Amino acid sequence: QVQLVESGGGLVQPGGSLRLSCAASGSPFSIDVMGWYRQAPGKQRELVAAITSGGITNYADSVQGRFTISRDNAKNTVYLQMNSLKPEDTAVFYCNARRFLVPRFNYWGQGTQVTVSS
């Protein structure tokens, strides 16, 4: 069982910045991909950014150039630096950890609220 603990959400004005963190614990097995998803009211959960253990990243078009995902493998922690935030970025952000080799797993954090408003 992998536990994911998120932190760093909050209220920020448009144009501001926030940094989300997610620490994974409880598994002796390596995590292949860690990522951030978000879900706005009335919308489906969507991928924001993901990063492999080797540092390969993937971003949603809507955040490309504004958000940066990074990862500390030694700490099993993933970060999401969010700059130039817009009201449409308002959502609950969820951390995700996946392993594709046996034993496979796919875990989610509890979510952290990000609100962009003046």
PDB file of N, CA and C in Angstrom:
ATOM      1  N   GLN A   1       0.842  -1.188   0.000  1.00  0.00           N
ATOM      2  CA  GLN A   1       0.000   0.000   0.000  1.00  0.00           C
ATOM      3  C   GLN A   1       0.883   1.246   0.000  1.00  0.00           C
ATOM      4  N   VAL A   2       0.635   2.122  -0.962  1.00  0.00           N
ATOM      5  CA  VAL A   2       1.392   3.362  -1.069  1.00  0.00           C
ATOM      6  C   VAL A   2       0.535   4.505  -0.547  1.00  0.00           C
ATOM      7  N   GLN A   3       1.112   5.300   0.324  1.00  0.00           N
ATOM      8  CA  GLN A   3       0.423   6.494   0.803  1.00  0.00           C
ATOM      9  C   GLN A   3       1.012   7.713   0.111  1.00  0.00           C
ATOM     10  N   LEU A   4       0.139   8.580  -0.365  1.00  0.00           N
ATOM     11  CA  LEU A   4       0.546   9.818  -1.022  1.00  0.00           C
ATOM     12  C   LEU A   4       0.011  10.988  -0.211  1.00  0.00           C
ATOM     13  N   VAL A   5       0.922  11.844   0.233  1.00  0.00           N
ATOM     14  CA  VAL A   5       0.543  12.999   1.038  1.00  0.00           C
ATOM     15  C   VAL A   5       0.870  14.261   0.260  1.00  0.00           C
ATOM     16  N   GLU A   6      -0.168  15.023  -0.060  1.00  0.00           N
ATOM     17  CA  GLU A   6      -0.025  16.240  -0.851  1.00  0.00           C
ATOM     18  C   GLU A   6      -0.017  17.464   0.044  1.00  0.00           C
ATOM     19  N   SER A   7       0.641  18.499  -0.413  1.00  0.00           N
ATOM     20  CA  SER A   7       0.627  19.769   0.296  1.00  0.00           C
ATOM     21  C   SER A   7       0.885  20.894  -0.693  1.00  0.00           C
ATOM     22  N   GLY A   8       0.561  22.116  -0.276  1.00  0.00           N
ATOM     23  CA  GLY A   8       0.901  23.280  -1.075  1.00  0.00           C
ATOM     24  C   GLY A   8      -0.251  23.969  -1.773  1.00  0.00           C
ATOM     25  N   GLY A   9      -1.444  23.437  -1.689  1.00  0.00           N
ATOM     26  CA  GLY A   9      -2.572  24.108  -2.329  1.00  0.00           C
ATOM     27  C   GLY A   9      -2.971  25.360  -1.574  1.00  0.00           C
ATOM     28  N   GLY A  10      -3.913  26.114  -2.150  1.00  0.00           N
ATOM     29  CA  GLY A  10      -4.389  27.304  -1.485  1.00  0.00           C
ATOM     30  C   GLY A  10      -5.032  28.277  -2.443  1.00  0.00           C
ATOM     31  N   LEU A  11      -5.193  29.496  -1.958  1.00  0.00           N
ATOM     32  CA  LEU A  11      -5.803  30.577  -2.742  1.00  0.00           C
ATOM     33  C   LEU A  11      -4.708  31.511  -3.234  1.00  0.00           C
ATOM     34  N   VAL A  12      -4.755  31.831  -4.516  1.00  0.00           N
ATOM     35  CA  VAL A  12      -3.748  32.713  -5.099  1.00  0.00           C
ATOM     36  C   VAL A  12      -4.435  33.606  -6.123  1.00  0.00           C
ATOM     37  N   GLN A  13      -3.895  34.794  -6.305  1.00  0.00           N
ATOM     38  CA  GLN A  13      -4.444  35.716  -7.294  1.00  0.00           C
ATOM     39  C   GLN A  13      -3.998  35.326  -8.695  1.00  0.00           C
ATOM     40  N   PRO A  14      -4.754  35.713  -9.703  1.00  0.00           N
ATOM     41  CA  PRO A  14      -4.318  35.456 -11.082  1.00  0.00           C
ATOM     42  C   PRO A  14      -2.932  36.033 -11.328  1.00  0.00           C
ATOM     43  N   GLY A  15      -2.121  35.241 -12.013  1.00  0.00           N
ATOM     44  CA  GLY A  15      -0.746  35.636 -12.263  1.00  0.00           C
ATOM     45  C   GLY A  15       0.221  35.172 -11.190  1.00  0.00           C
ATOM     46  N   GLY A  16      -0.303  34.661 -10.098  1.00  0.00           N
ATOM     47  CA  GLY A  16       0.536  34.224  -8.995  1.00  0.00           C
ATOM     48  C   GLY A  16       1.089  32.821  -9.193  1.00  0.00           C
ATOM     49  N   SER A  17       1.785  32.348  -8.159  1.00  0.00           N
ATOM     50  CA  SER A  17       2.447  31.045  -8.221  1.00  0.00           C
ATOM     51  C   SER A  17       2.124  30.215  -6.990  1.00  0.00           C
ATOM     52  N   LEU A  18       2.155  28.916  -7.175  1.00  0.00           N
ATOM     53  CA  LEU A  18       2.040  27.955  -6.080  1.00  0.00           C
ATOM     54  C   LEU A  18       2.943  26.771  -6.398  1.00  0.00           C
ATOM     55  N   ARG A  19       3.371  26.093  -5.350  1.00  0.00           N
ATOM     56  CA  ARG A  19       4.158  24.873  -5.522  1.00  0.00           C
ATOM     57  C   ARG A  19       3.499  23.750  -4.745  1.00  0.00           C
ATOM     58  N   LEU A  20       3.124  22.707  -5.466  1.00  0.00           N
ATOM     59  CA  LEU A  20       2.543  21.527  -4.835  1.00  0.00           C
ATOM     60  C   LEU A  20       3.625  20.472  -4.610  1.00  0.00           C
ATOM     61  N   SER A  21       3.485  19.739  -3.517  1.00  0.00           N
ATOM     62  CA  SER A  21       4.387  18.634  -3.218  1.00  0.00           C
ATOM     63  C   SER A  21       3.569  17.389  -2.928  1.00  0.00           C
ATOM     64  N   CYS A  22       4.143  16.246  -3.250  1.00  0.00           N
ATOM     65  CA  CYS A  22       3.488  14.975  -2.964  1.00  0.00           C
ATOM     66  C   CYS A  22       4.565  13.968  -2.579  1.00  0.00           C
ATOM     67  N   ALA A  23       4.480  13.480  -1.350  1.00  0.00           N
ATOM     68  CA  ALA A  23       5.444  12.510  -0.856  1.00  0.00           C
ATOM     69  C   ALA A  23       4.806  11.131  -0.804  1.00  0.00           C
ATOM     70  N   ALA A  24       5.482  10.158  -1.392  1.00  0.00           N
ATOM     71  CA  ALA A  24       5.002   8.779  -1.405  1.00  0.00           C
ATOM     72  C   ALA A  24       5.759   7.959  -0.381  1.00  0.00           C
ATOM     73  N   SER A  25       5.031   7.085   0.298  1.00  0.00           N
ATOM     74  CA  SER A  25       5.661   6.213   1.275  1.00  0.00           C
ATOM     75  C   SER A  25       4.920   4.886   1.326  1.00  0.00           C
ATOM     76  N   GLY A  26       5.580   3.887   1.909  1.00  0.00           N
ATOM     77  CA  GLY A  26       4.907   2.620   2.156  1.00  0.00           C
ATOM     78  C   GLY A  26       5.170   1.520   1.165  1.00  0.00           C
ATOM     79  N   SER A  27       6.001   1.768   0.148  1.00  0.00           N
ATOM     80  CA  SER A  27       6.267   0.717  -0.823  1.00  0.00           C
ATOM     81  C   SER A  27       7.764   0.499  -0.986  1.00  0.00           C
ATOM     82  N   PRO A  28       8.204  -0.753  -0.940  1.00  0.00           N
ATOM     83  CA  PRO A  28       9.627  -1.016  -1.196  1.00  0.00           C
ATOM     84  C   PRO A  28       9.962  -1.050  -2.685  1.00  0.00           C
ATOM     85  N   PHE A  29       8.945  -0.917  -3.525  1.00  0.00           N
ATOM     86  CA  PHE A  29       9.136  -1.010  -4.956  1.00  0.00           C
ATOM     87  C   PHE A  29       9.186   0.381  -5.581  1.00  0.00           C
ATOM     88  N   SER A  30       9.957   0.503  -6.639  1.00  0.00           N
ATOM     89  CA  SER A  30      10.104   1.800  -7.286  1.00  0.00           C
ATOM     90  C   SER A  30       8.813   2.219  -7.982  1.00  0.00           C
ATOM     91  N   ILE A  31       8.640   3.508  -8.070  1.00  0.00           N
ATOM     92  CA  ILE A  31       7.471   4.081  -8.731  1.00  0.00           C
ATOM     93  C   ILE A  31       7.884   4.524 -10.120  1.00  0.00           C
ATOM     94  N   ASP A  32       7.212   4.013 -11.137  1.00  0.00           N
ATOM     95  CA  ASP A  32       7.613   4.316 -12.506  1.00  0.00           C
ATOM     96  C   ASP A  32       7.235   5.738 -12.916  1.00  0.00           C
ATOM     97  N   VAL A  33       6.004   6.114 -12.660  1.00  0.00           N
ATOM     98  CA  VAL A  33       5.518   7.428 -13.065  1.00  0.00           C
ATOM     99  C   VAL A  33       4.796   8.087 -11.903  1.00  0.00           C
ATOM    100  N   MET A  34       5.133   9.337 -11.657  1.00  0.00           N
ATOM    101  CA  MET A  34       4.385  10.147 -10.700  1.00  0.00           C
ATOM    102  C   MET A  34       3.810  11.332 -11.468  1.00  0.00           C
ATOM    103  N   GLY A  35       2.610  11.709 -11.093  1.00  0.00           N
ATOM    104  CA  GLY A  35       1.982  12.785 -11.845  1.00  0.00           C
ATOM    105  C   GLY A  35       0.965  13.552 -11.046  1.00  0.00           C
ATOM    106  N   TRP A  36       0.498  14.606 -11.659  1.00  0.00           N
ATOM    107  CA  TRP A  36      -0.548  15.450 -11.087  1.00  0.00           C
ATOM    108  C   TRP A  36      -1.728  15.495 -12.054  1.00  0.00           C
ATOM    109  N   TYR A  37      -2.895  15.303 -11.516  1.00  0.00           N
ATOM    110  CA  TYR A  37      -4.145  15.436 -12.242  1.00  0.00           C
ATOM    111  C   TYR A  37      -4.973  16.505 -11.529  1.00  0.00           C
ATOM    112  N   ARG A  38      -5.972  17.009 -12.224  1.00  0.00           N
ATOM    113  CA  ARG A  38      -6.861  17.968 -11.589  1.00  0.00           C
ATOM    114  C   ARG A  38      -8.297  17.734 -12.038  1.00  0.00           C
ATOM    115  N   GLN A  39      -9.201  18.147 -11.163  1.00  0.00           N
ATOM    116  CA  GLN A  39     -10.620  18.023 -11.467  1.00  0.00           C
ATOM    117  C   GLN A  39     -11.337  19.280 -11.014  1.00  0.00           C
ATOM    118  N   ALA A  40     -11.886  19.986 -11.979  1.00  0.00           N
ATOM    119  CA  ALA A  40     -12.678  21.176 -11.697  1.00  0.00           C
ATOM    120  C   ALA A  40     -14.143  20.773 -11.528  1.00  0.00           C
ATOM    121  N   PRO A  41     -14.931  21.584 -10.848  1.00  0.00           N
ATOM    122  CA  PRO A  41     -16.348  21.252 -10.641  1.00  0.00           C
ATOM    123  C   PRO A  41     -17.061  21.000 -11.963  1.00  0.00           C
ATOM    124  N   GLY A  42     -17.743  19.877 -12.042  1.00  0.00           N
ATOM    125  CA  GLY A  42     -18.511  19.541 -13.236  1.00  0.00           C
ATOM    126  C   GLY A  42     -17.699  19.008 -14.395  1.00  0.00           C
ATOM    127  N   LYS A  43     -16.400  18.817 -14.170  1.00  0.00           N
ATOM    128  CA  LYS A  43     -15.537  18.338 -15.252  1.00  0.00           C
ATOM    129  C   LYS A  43     -14.867  17.031 -14.857  1.00  0.00           C
ATOM    130  N   GLN A  44     -14.353  16.335 -15.866  1.00  0.00           N
ATOM    131  CA  GLN A  44     -13.645  15.095 -15.608  1.00  0.00           C
ATOM    132  C   GLN A  44     -12.229  15.370 -15.118  1.00  0.00           C
ATOM    133  N   ARG A  45     -11.695  14.419 -14.394  1.00  0.00           N
ATOM    134  CA  ARG A  45     -10.302  14.532 -13.962  1.00  0.00           C
ATOM    135  C   ARG A  45      -9.406  14.464 -15.197  1.00  0.00           C
ATOM    136  N   GLU A  46      -8.407  15.345 -15.236  1.00  0.00           N
ATOM    137  CA  GLU A  46      -7.516  15.394 -16.388  1.00  0.00           C
ATOM    138  C   GLU A  46      -6.061  15.430 -15.954  1.00  0.00           C
ATOM    139  N   LEU A  47      -5.201  14.917 -16.808  1.00  0.00           N
ATOM    140  CA  LEU A  47      -3.770  14.950 -16.554  1.00  0.00           C
ATOM    141  C   LEU A  47      -3.261  16.384 -16.674  1.00  0.00           C
ATOM    142  N   VAL A  48      -2.462  16.776 -15.691  1.00  0.00           N
ATOM    143  CA  VAL A  48      -1.781  18.068 -15.740  1.00  0.00           C
ATOM    144  C   VAL A  48      -0.343  17.871 -16.190  1.00  0.00           C
ATOM    145  N   ALA A  49       0.371  16.995 -15.490  1.00  0.00           N
ATOM    146  CA  ALA A  49       1.770  16.739 -15.813  1.00  0.00           C
ATOM    147  C   ALA A  49       2.179  15.423 -15.183  1.00  0.00           C
ATOM    148  N   ALA A  50       3.139  14.759 -15.804  1.00  0.00           N
ATOM    149  CA  ALA A  50       3.656  13.500 -15.278  1.00  0.00           C
ATOM    150  C   ALA A  50       5.146  13.427 -15.540  1.00  0.00           C
ATOM    151  N   ILE A  51       5.824  12.620 -14.712  1.00  0.00           N
ATOM    152  CA  ILE A  51       7.271  12.479 -14.854  1.00  0.00           C
ATOM    153  C   ILE A  51       7.661  11.043 -14.531  1.00  0.00           C
ATOM    154  N   THR A  52       8.537  10.477 -15.355  1.00  0.00           N
ATOM    155  CA  THR A  52       9.002   9.117 -15.119  1.00  0.00           C
ATOM    156  C   THR A  52      10.167   9.132 -14.139  1.00  0.00           C
ATOM    157  N   SER A  53      10.553   7.949 -13.704  1.00  0.00           N
ATOM    158  CA  SER A  53      11.704   7.855 -12.797  1.00  0.00           C
ATOM    159  C   SER A  53      12.976   8.316 -13.477  1.00  0.00           C
ATOM    160  N   GLY A  54      12.995   8.293 -14.800  1.00  0.00           N
ATOM    161  CA  GLY A  54      14.161   8.752 -15.543  1.00  0.00           C
ATOM    162  C   GLY A  54      14.114  10.221 -15.908  1.00  0.00           C
ATOM    163  N   GLY A  55      13.032  10.913 -15.507  1.00  0.00           N
ATOM    164  CA  GLY A  55      12.958  12.352 -15.721  1.00  0.00           C
ATOM    165  C   GLY A  55      12.243  12.791 -16.986  1.00  0.00           C
ATOM    166  N   ILE A  56      11.648  11.871 -17.697  1.00  0.00           N
ATOM    167  CA  ILE A  56      10.883  12.245 -18.891  1.00  0.00           C
ATOM    168  C   ILE A  56       9.550  12.841 -18.444  1.00  0.00           C
ATOM    169  N   THR A  57       9.207  14.002 -18.999  1.00  0.00           N
ATOM    170  CA  THR A  57       8.013  14.710 -18.567  1.00  0.00           C
ATOM    171  C   THR A  57       6.964  14.802 -19.679  1.00  0.00           C
ATOM    172  N   ASN A  58       5.748  14.998 -19.253  1.00  0.00           N
ATOM    173  CA  ASN A  58       4.623  15.174 -20.168  1.00  0.00           C
ATOM    174  C   ASN A  58       3.682  16.192 -19.551  1.00  0.00           C
ATOM    175  N   TYR A  59       3.230  17.152 -20.356  1.00  0.00           N
ATOM    176  CA  TYR A  59       2.369  18.210 -19.857  1.00  0.00           C
ATOM    177  C   TYR A  59       1.100  18.324 -20.697  1.00  0.00           C
ATOM    178  N   ALA A  60       0.038  18.736 -20.048  1.00  0.00           N
ATOM    179  CA  ALA A  60      -1.159  19.108 -20.789  1.00  0.00           C
ATOM    180  C   ALA A  60      -0.865  20.394 -21.550  1.00  0.00           C
ATOM    181  N   ASP A  61      -1.463  20.539 -22.720  1.00  0.00           N
ATOM    182  CA  ASP A  61      -1.234  21.740 -23.524  1.00  0.00           C
ATOM    183  C   ASP A  61      -1.581  23.015 -22.760  1.00  0.00           C
ATOM    184  N   SER A  62      -2.591  22.929 -21.925  1.00  0.00           N
ATOM    185  CA  SER A  62      -3.083  24.122 -21.227  1.00  0.00           C
ATOM    186  C   SER A  62      -2.108  24.649 -20.172  1.00  0.00           C
ATOM    187  N   VAL A  63      -1.148  23.838 -19.764  1.00  0.00           N
ATOM    188  CA  VAL A  63      -0.200  24.284 -18.729  1.00  0.00           C
ATOM    189  C   VAL A  63       1.233  24.365 -19.242  1.00  0.00           C
ATOM    190  N   GLN A  64       1.452  23.926 -20.468  1.00  0.00           N
ATOM    191  CA  GLN A  64       2.798  23.941 -21.051  1.00  0.00           C
ATOM    192  C   GLN A  64       3.379  25.354 -20.976  1.00  0.00           C
ATOM    193  N   GLY A  65       4.591  25.455 -20.452  1.00  0.00           N
ATOM    194  CA  GLY A  65       5.260  26.743 -20.342  1.00  0.00           C
ATOM    195  C   GLY A  65       4.944  27.502 -19.062  1.00  0.00           C
ATOM    196  N   ARG A  66       3.943  27.056 -18.332  1.00  0.00           N
ATOM    197  CA  ARG A  66       3.596  27.722 -17.065  1.00  0.00           C
ATOM    198  C   ARG A  66       3.878  26.831 -15.858  1.00  0.00           C
ATOM    199  N   PHE A  67       3.701  25.538 -16.015  1.00  0.00           N
ATOM    200  CA  PHE A  67       3.906  24.590 -14.921  1.00  0.00           C
ATOM    201  C   PHE A  67       5.168  23.776 -15.183  1.00  0.00           C
ATOM    202  N   THR A  68       5.830  23.399 -14.095  1.00  0.00           N
ATOM    203  CA  THR A  68       7.010  22.538 -14.197  1.00  0.00           C
ATOM    204  C   THR A  68       6.901  21.422 -13.172  1.00  0.00           C
ATOM    205  N   ILE A  69       7.011  20.197 -13.642  1.00  0.00           N
ATOM    206  CA  ILE A  69       7.000  19.049 -12.742  1.00  0.00           C
ATOM    207  C   ILE A  69       8.423  18.575 -12.525  1.00  0.00           C
ATOM    208  N   SER A  70       8.721  18.187 -11.293  1.00  0.00           N
ATOM    209  CA  SER A  70      10.042  17.655 -10.977  1.00  0.00           C
ATOM    210  C   SER A  70       9.883  16.551  -9.939  1.00  0.00           C
ATOM    211  N   ARG A  71      10.978  15.817  -9.755  1.00  0.00           N
ATOM    212  CA  ARG A  71      10.866  14.631  -8.903  1.00  0.00           C
ATOM    213  C   ARG A  71      12.188  14.379  -8.207  1.00  0.00           C
ATOM    214  N   ASP A  72      12.095  14.007  -6.946  1.00  0.00           N
ATOM    215  CA  ASP A  72      13.253  13.590  -6.167  1.00  0.00           C
ATOM    216  C   ASP A  72      13.069  12.099  -5.896  1.00  0.00           C
ATOM    217  N   ASN A  73      13.748  11.264  -6.654  1.00  0.00           N
ATOM    218  CA  ASN A  73      13.564   9.818  -6.525  1.00  0.00           C
ATOM    219  C   ASN A  73      13.999   9.300  -5.156  1.00  0.00           C
ATOM    220  N   ALA A  74      15.031   9.902  -4.602  1.00  0.00           N
ATOM    221  CA  ALA A  74      15.526   9.461  -3.294  1.00  0.00           C
ATOM    222  C   ALA A  74      14.485   9.680  -2.200  1.00  0.00           C
ATOM    223  N   LYS A  75      13.683  10.728  -2.375  1.00  0.00           N
ATOM    224  CA  LYS A  75      12.650  11.043  -1.390  1.00  0.00           C
ATOM    225  C   LYS A  75      11.273  10.566  -1.827  1.00  0.00           C
ATOM    226  N   ASN A  76      11.173   9.983  -3.016  1.00  0.00           N
ATOM    227  CA  ASN A  76       9.873   9.574  -3.563  1.00  0.00           C
ATOM    228  C   ASN A  76       8.875  10.728  -3.506  1.00  0.00           C
ATOM    229  N   THR A  77       9.351  11.873  -3.912  1.00  0.00           N
ATOM    230  CA  THR A  77       8.533  13.079  -3.854  1.00  0.00           C
ATOM    231  C   THR A  77       8.467  13.725  -5.236  1.00  0.00           C
ATOM    232  N   VAL A  78       7.272  14.191  -5.579  1.00  0.00           N
ATOM    233  CA  VAL A  78       7.080  14.900  -6.832  1.00  0.00           C
ATOM    234  C   VAL A  78       6.570  16.300  -6.524  1.00  0.00           C
ATOM    235  N   TYR A  79       7.009  17.252  -7.329  1.00  0.00           N
ATOM    236  CA  TYR A  79       6.649  18.647  -7.141  1.00  0.00           C
ATOM    237  C   TYR A  79       5.976  19.184  -8.409  1.00  0.00           C
ATOM    238  N   LEU A  80       5.127  20.164  -8.217  1.00  0.00           N
ATOM    239  CA  LEU A  80       4.536  20.862  -9.354  1.00  0.00           C
ATOM    240  C   LEU A  80       4.634  22.357  -9.079  1.00  0.00           C
ATOM    241  N   GLN A  81       5.522  23.015  -9.799  1.00  0.00           N
ATOM    242  CA  GLN A  81       5.651  24.463  -9.703  1.00  0.00           C
ATOM    243  C   GLN A  81       4.687  25.081 -10.702  1.00  0.00           C
ATOM    244  N   MET A  82       3.766  25.886 -10.202  1.00  0.00           N
ATOM    245  CA  MET A  82       2.731  26.482 -11.042  1.00  0.00           C
ATOM    246  C   MET A  82       2.903  27.995 -11.053  1.00  0.00           C
ATOM    247  N   ASN A  83       3.200  28.528 -12.214  1.00  0.00           N
ATOM    248  CA  ASN A  83       3.383  29.969 -12.388  1.00  0.00           C
ATOM    249  C   ASN A  83       2.306  30.515 -13.316  1.00  0.00           C
ATOM    250  N   SER A  84       2.159  31.823 -13.303  1.00  0.00           N
ATOM    251  CA  SER A  84       1.187  32.500 -14.168  1.00  0.00           C
ATOM    252  C   SER A  84      -0.187  31.836 -14.080  1.00  0.00           C
ATOM    253  N   LEU A  85      -0.625  31.617 -12.876  1.00  0.00           N
ATOM    254  CA  LEU A  85      -1.884  30.902 -12.670  1.00  0.00           C
ATOM    255  C   LEU A  85      -3.070  31.717 -13.177  1.00  0.00           C
ATOM    256  N   LYS A  86      -4.043  30.995 -13.701  1.00  0.00           N
ATOM    257  CA  LYS A  86      -5.246  31.596 -14.266  1.00  0.00           C
ATOM    258  C   LYS A  86      -6.476  31.090 -13.501  1.00  0.00           C
ATOM    259  N   PRO A  87      -7.564  31.826 -13.529  1.00  0.00           N
ATOM    260  CA  PRO A  87      -8.789  31.346 -12.857  1.00  0.00           C
ATOM    261  C   PRO A  87      -9.217  29.964 -13.335  1.00  0.00           C
ATOM    262  N   GLU A  88      -8.968  29.665 -14.596  1.00  0.00           N
ATOM    263  CA  GLU A  88      -9.356  28.352 -15.121  1.00  0.00           C
ATOM    264  C   GLU A  88      -8.484  27.214 -14.599  1.00  0.00           C
ATOM    265  N   ASP A  89      -7.424  27.534 -13.872  1.00  0.00           N
ATOM    266  CA  ASP A  89      -6.622  26.498 -13.220  1.00  0.00           C
ATOM    267  C   ASP A  89      -7.250  26.037 -11.906  1.00  0.00           C
ATOM    268  N   THR A  90      -8.284  26.723 -11.459  1.00  0.00           N
ATOM    269  CA  THR A  90      -8.944  26.357 -10.212  1.00  0.00           C
ATOM    270  C   THR A  90      -9.488  24.934 -10.286  1.00  0.00           C
ATOM    271  N   ALA A  91      -9.080  24.116  -9.322  1.00  0.00           N
ATOM    272  CA  ALA A  91      -9.473  22.702  -9.321  1.00  0.00           C
ATOM    273  C   ALA A  91      -8.918  22.035  -8.069  1.00  0.00           C
ATOM    274  N   VAL A  92      -9.350  20.804  -7.858  1.00  0.00           N
ATOM    275  CA  VAL A  92      -8.689  19.948  -6.879  1.00  0.00           C
ATOM    276  C   VAL A  92      -7.591  19.194  -7.619  1.00  0.00           C
ATOM    277  N   PHE A  93      -6.392  19.284  -7.107  1.00  0.00           N
ATOM    278  CA  PHE A  93      -5.243  18.634  -7.725  1.00  0.00           C
ATOM    279  C   PHE A  93      -4.934  17.344  -6.974  1.00  0.00           C
ATOM    280  N   TYR A  94      -4.759  16.270  -7.732  1.00  0.00           N
ATOM    281  CA  TYR A  94      -4.499  14.956  -7.166  1.00  0.00           C
ATOM    282  C   TYR A  94      -3.144  14.437  -7.609  1.00  0.00           C
ATOM    283  N   CYS A  95      -2.411  13.886  -6.679  1.00  0.00           N
ATOM    284  CA  CYS A  95      -1.140  13.223  -6.972  1.00  0.00           C
ATOM    285  C   CYS A  95      -1.418  11.768  -7.345  1.00  0.00           C
ATOM    286  N   ASN A  96      -0.619  11.248  -8.259  1.00  0.00           N
ATOM    287  CA  ASN A  96      -0.786   9.875  -8.721  1.00  0.00           C
ATOM    288  C   ASN A  96       0.566   9.178  -8.784  1.00  0.00           C
ATOM    289  N   ALA A  97       0.584   7.907  -8.387  1.00  0.00           N
ATOM    290  CA  ALA A  97       1.814   7.101  -8.446  1.00  0.00           C
ATOM    291  C   ALA A  97       1.492   5.769  -9.108  1.00  0.00           C
ATOM    292  N   ARG A  98       2.276   5.431 -10.138  1.00  0.00           N
ATOM    293  CA  ARG A  98       2.013   4.197 -10.866  1.00  0.00           C
ATOM    294  C   ARG A  98       3.289   3.388 -11.051  1.00  0.00           C
ATOM    295  N   ARG A  99       3.090   2.075 -10.998  1.00  0.00           N
ATOM    296  CA  ARG A  99       4.172   1.140 -11.286  1.00  0.00           C
ATOM    297  C   ARG A  99       3.640   0.159 -12.323  1.00  0.00           C
ATOM    298  N   PHE A 100       4.386  -0.053 -13.396  1.00  0.00           N
ATOM    299  CA  PHE A 100       3.909  -0.894 -14.488  1.00  0.00           C
ATOM    300  C   PHE A 100       4.458  -2.310 -14.433  1.00  0.00           C
ATOM    301  N   LEU A 101       5.562  -2.506 -13.728  1.00  0.00           N
ATOM    302  CA  LEU A 101       6.092  -3.852 -13.547  1.00  0.00           C
ATOM    303  C   LEU A 101       5.416  -4.492 -12.351  1.00  0.00           C
ATOM    304  N   VAL A 102       5.485  -5.831 -12.293  1.00  0.00           N
ATOM    305  CA  VAL A 102       4.917  -6.544 -11.160  1.00  0.00           C
ATOM    306  C   VAL A 102       5.745  -6.278  -9.912  1.00  0.00           C
ATOM    307  N   PRO A 103       5.143  -5.930  -8.791  1.00  0.00           N
ATOM    308  CA  PRO A 103       3.707  -5.751  -8.569  1.00  0.00           C
ATOM    309  C   PRO A 103       3.228  -4.392  -9.073  1.00  0.00           C
ATOM    310  N   ARG A 104       2.260  -4.431  -9.972  1.00  0.00           N
ATOM    311  CA  ARG A 104       1.721  -3.189 -10.514  1.00  0.00           C
ATOM    312  C   ARG A 104       0.860  -2.495  -9.476  1.00  0.00           C
ATOM    313  N   PHE A 105       0.857  -1.147  -9.532  1.00  0.00           N
ATOM    314  CA  PHE A 105      -0.069  -0.408  -8.688  1.00  0.00           C
ATOM    315  C   PHE A 105      -0.369   0.952  -9.283  1.00  0.00           C
ATOM    316  N   ASN A 106      -1.448   1.541  -8.780  1.00  0.00           N
ATOM    317  CA  ASN A 106      -1.918   2.848  -9.244  1.00  0.00           C
ATOM    318  C   ASN A 106      -2.631   3.503  -8.058  1.00  0.00           C
ATOM    319  N   TYR A 107      -1.967   4.437  -7.407  1.00  0.00           N
ATOM    320  CA  TYR A 107      -2.494   5.062  -6.204  1.00  0.00           C
ATOM    321  C   TYR A 107      -2.728   6.551  -6.416  1.00  0.00           C
ATOM    322  N   TRP A 108      -3.697   7.063  -5.638  1.00  0.00           N
ATOM    323  CA  TRP A 108      -4.057   8.473  -5.695  1.00  0.00           C
ATOM    324  C   TRP A 108      -3.945   9.117  -4.321  1.00  0.00           C
ATOM    325  N   GLY A 109      -3.582  10.384  -4.318  1.00  0.00           N
ATOM    326  CA  GLY A 109      -3.611  11.153  -3.092  1.00  0.00           C
ATOM    327  C   GLY A 109      -5.028  11.625  -2.795  1.00  0.00           C
ATOM    328  N   GLN A 110      -5.179  12.313  -1.672  1.00  0.00           N
ATOM    329  CA  GLN A 110      -6.506  12.738  -1.242  1.00  0.00           C
ATOM    330  C   GLN A 110      -6.957  14.017  -1.945  1.00  0.00           C
ATOM    331  N   GLY A 111      -6.051  14.701  -2.587  1.00  0.00           N
ATOM    332  CA  GLY A 111      -6.386  15.923  -3.306  1.00  0.00           C
ATOM    333  C   GLY A 111      -6.108  17.168  -2.498  1.00  0.00           C
ATOM    334  N   THR A 112      -5.726  18.224  -3.190  1.00  0.00           N
ATOM    335  CA  THR A 112      -5.493  19.514  -2.554  1.00  0.00           C
ATOM    336  C   THR A 112      -6.132  20.595  -3.442  1.00  0.00           C
ATOM    337  N   GLN A 113      -6.846  21.512  -2.800  1.00  0.00           N
ATOM    338  CA  GLN A 113      -7.578  22.530  -3.536  1.00  0.00           C
ATOM    339  C   GLN A 113      -6.653  23.663  -3.957  1.00  0.00           C
ATOM    340  N   VAL A 114      -6.754  24.042  -5.226  1.00  0.00           N
ATOM    341  CA  VAL A 114      -6.071  25.222  -5.752  1.00  0.00           C
ATOM    342  C   VAL A 114      -7.153  26.157  -6.291  1.00  0.00           C
ATOM    343  N   THR A 115      -7.191  27.360  -5.753  1.00  0.00           N
ATOM    344  CA  THR A 115      -8.174  28.354  -6.177  1.00  0.00           C
ATOM    345  C   THR A 115      -7.452  29.600  -6.655  1.00  0.00           C
ATOM    346  N   VAL A 116      -7.740  29.996  -7.881  1.00  0.00           N
ATOM    347  CA  VAL A 116      -7.121  31.182  -8.464  1.00  0.00           C
ATOM    348  C   VAL A 116      -8.215  32.226  -8.634  1.00  0.00           C
ATOM    349  N   SER A 117      -8.135  33.261  -7.829  1.00  0.00           N
ATOM    350  CA  SER A 117      -9.198  34.266  -7.820  1.00  0.00           C
ATOM    351  C   SER A 117      -8.690  35.568  -7.243  1.00  0.00           C
ATOM    352  N   SER A 118      -9.231  36.660  -7.750  1.00  0.00           N
ATOM    353  CA  SER A 118      -8.882  37.974  -7.210  1.00  0.00           C
ATOM    354  C   SER A 118      -9.883  38.392  -6.136  1.00  0.00           C
TER     355      SER A 118
END
